[in-house]
């Protein structure tokens, strides 16, 4: 059963949560119910537990056979030992797919648990049922109102995610959502006993709602098929890959996490270069790349103008950008002269980076400077930076951010050149609130926001490098 058979996973007509807790206190199985209710799942939703009862206005049935309607999709929350029996019950009910969140299978490394997982798959294949997992969080698809977390956005977007880890997928979605990223489909697939990374990649490669594919992979079942799926995906879509278990210790952790067999770092890096895949080394780096792809129009080249406040900060951001192959050309005399007409010479350095320390609160001057810099033919894009931690008082920092962001807002596309922002977070309460508001304001203006100089430089370089490699493949 190949990728074109998997569409039903993302659009079930009914769902049953089998094994959900009946206890009055909170339990991890409630996460799935809360996620579906929060996102507004609007088709039949059934709860099953032998103890019966009621939860959130839903009757709890004693068994799956007692459910009055048809069931397309089951989320299995039962003990591993009775999972094969649940497959049998699902077959009698006409269930098409089961997502087993249940752990305690091959990832333990214990022989009897490995056999138990094999038995699970054997029964499912004999009955014609597809299995996602076990040991995974399942599917998030906003368009069809599917979610495994109440903290996920209701809106859809162009990013598809395939993650062997459920926890990493939750972290990715929540952190990326804070910066404006939205998703088409996110799949946590765990042990990949039946539906594996190649099945899912083949599906997303042909999914019209997915434009960017982000992968967190610990191991693969079929190397040749997976490579072929990657080749197909990269023809039309941008692919980002985070390979877990690239070190000896990481590989050992991967084996215990999802029973994955990891390949060498060199092999994966070579694959990424050959197929113009963006290789990242952390979830944070993956999010930075997603933000860049979605919100920074591809610059025509690598020449950047850096504009912000702080002499030392200007030095450091310049180092970060140039060390990653991005160029910081000096401003020509005529551009400097134009800015000097309304900018005091003391405390402002107009060279590139442009240190606008003493004039940053002059919003009219800032707007004029942006217009001049963005119109300069020597620049391909602009990055502005706000570093509140360098101010002498908390109040000064808060006032600086509030004033700048409340009265000066440039929407992406209003300037002749692409623009990005670096807004460094703060742990100081009043500063943190002001910075969060600034980040939200930038996102509303469709600007990419980065939390550090290094993150911005790295992500922009990765995206430009991928575009250059992709161009060379054509």
Foldseek 3Di string as FASTA:
>chain_A
DFQVVCPCQQAPQEEEEAPADPDPDDDLSCLQVLQLVLLPQPHYYAYEDLVWDDDPRHTYHNDPVPDPDAHAEYEYPDELVCLLVVLVVNLVRVYAEYEALYDDACLQVDPVRPVSLVSSVVSCVVSNHYYFDHNWQFKDALVNSGDSGSQADNDAAAEEEEECHRVLQVVLRNVLVLLPDHHHMYGHRFQCSDPFPLRVLLNLLPDPSHAEYEYEEAAGDDVVSNLVSLLSSLVRHAYEYAYFQQDPVRNVVSCNNRVHHHDHPVVVVVSCLVSLHQYDHDSQLVSLLSLCVQQFDQFPDQEEFEEEADDVQQVVLQCLQVVLPRHFAWDDPVLVVVLCVPADPPRWDRTGNTHRHVCLLVQVSVVVNQQSVLPDPRHREYEYEQDLVVDPDPVVSLCSLQSCLVPDAAAAPPGNHTYAYEYAADPPVSNNVSSSVSSVSNVVSSHRYHHDSNSNSVSSSSVNVSVVSVVVVD
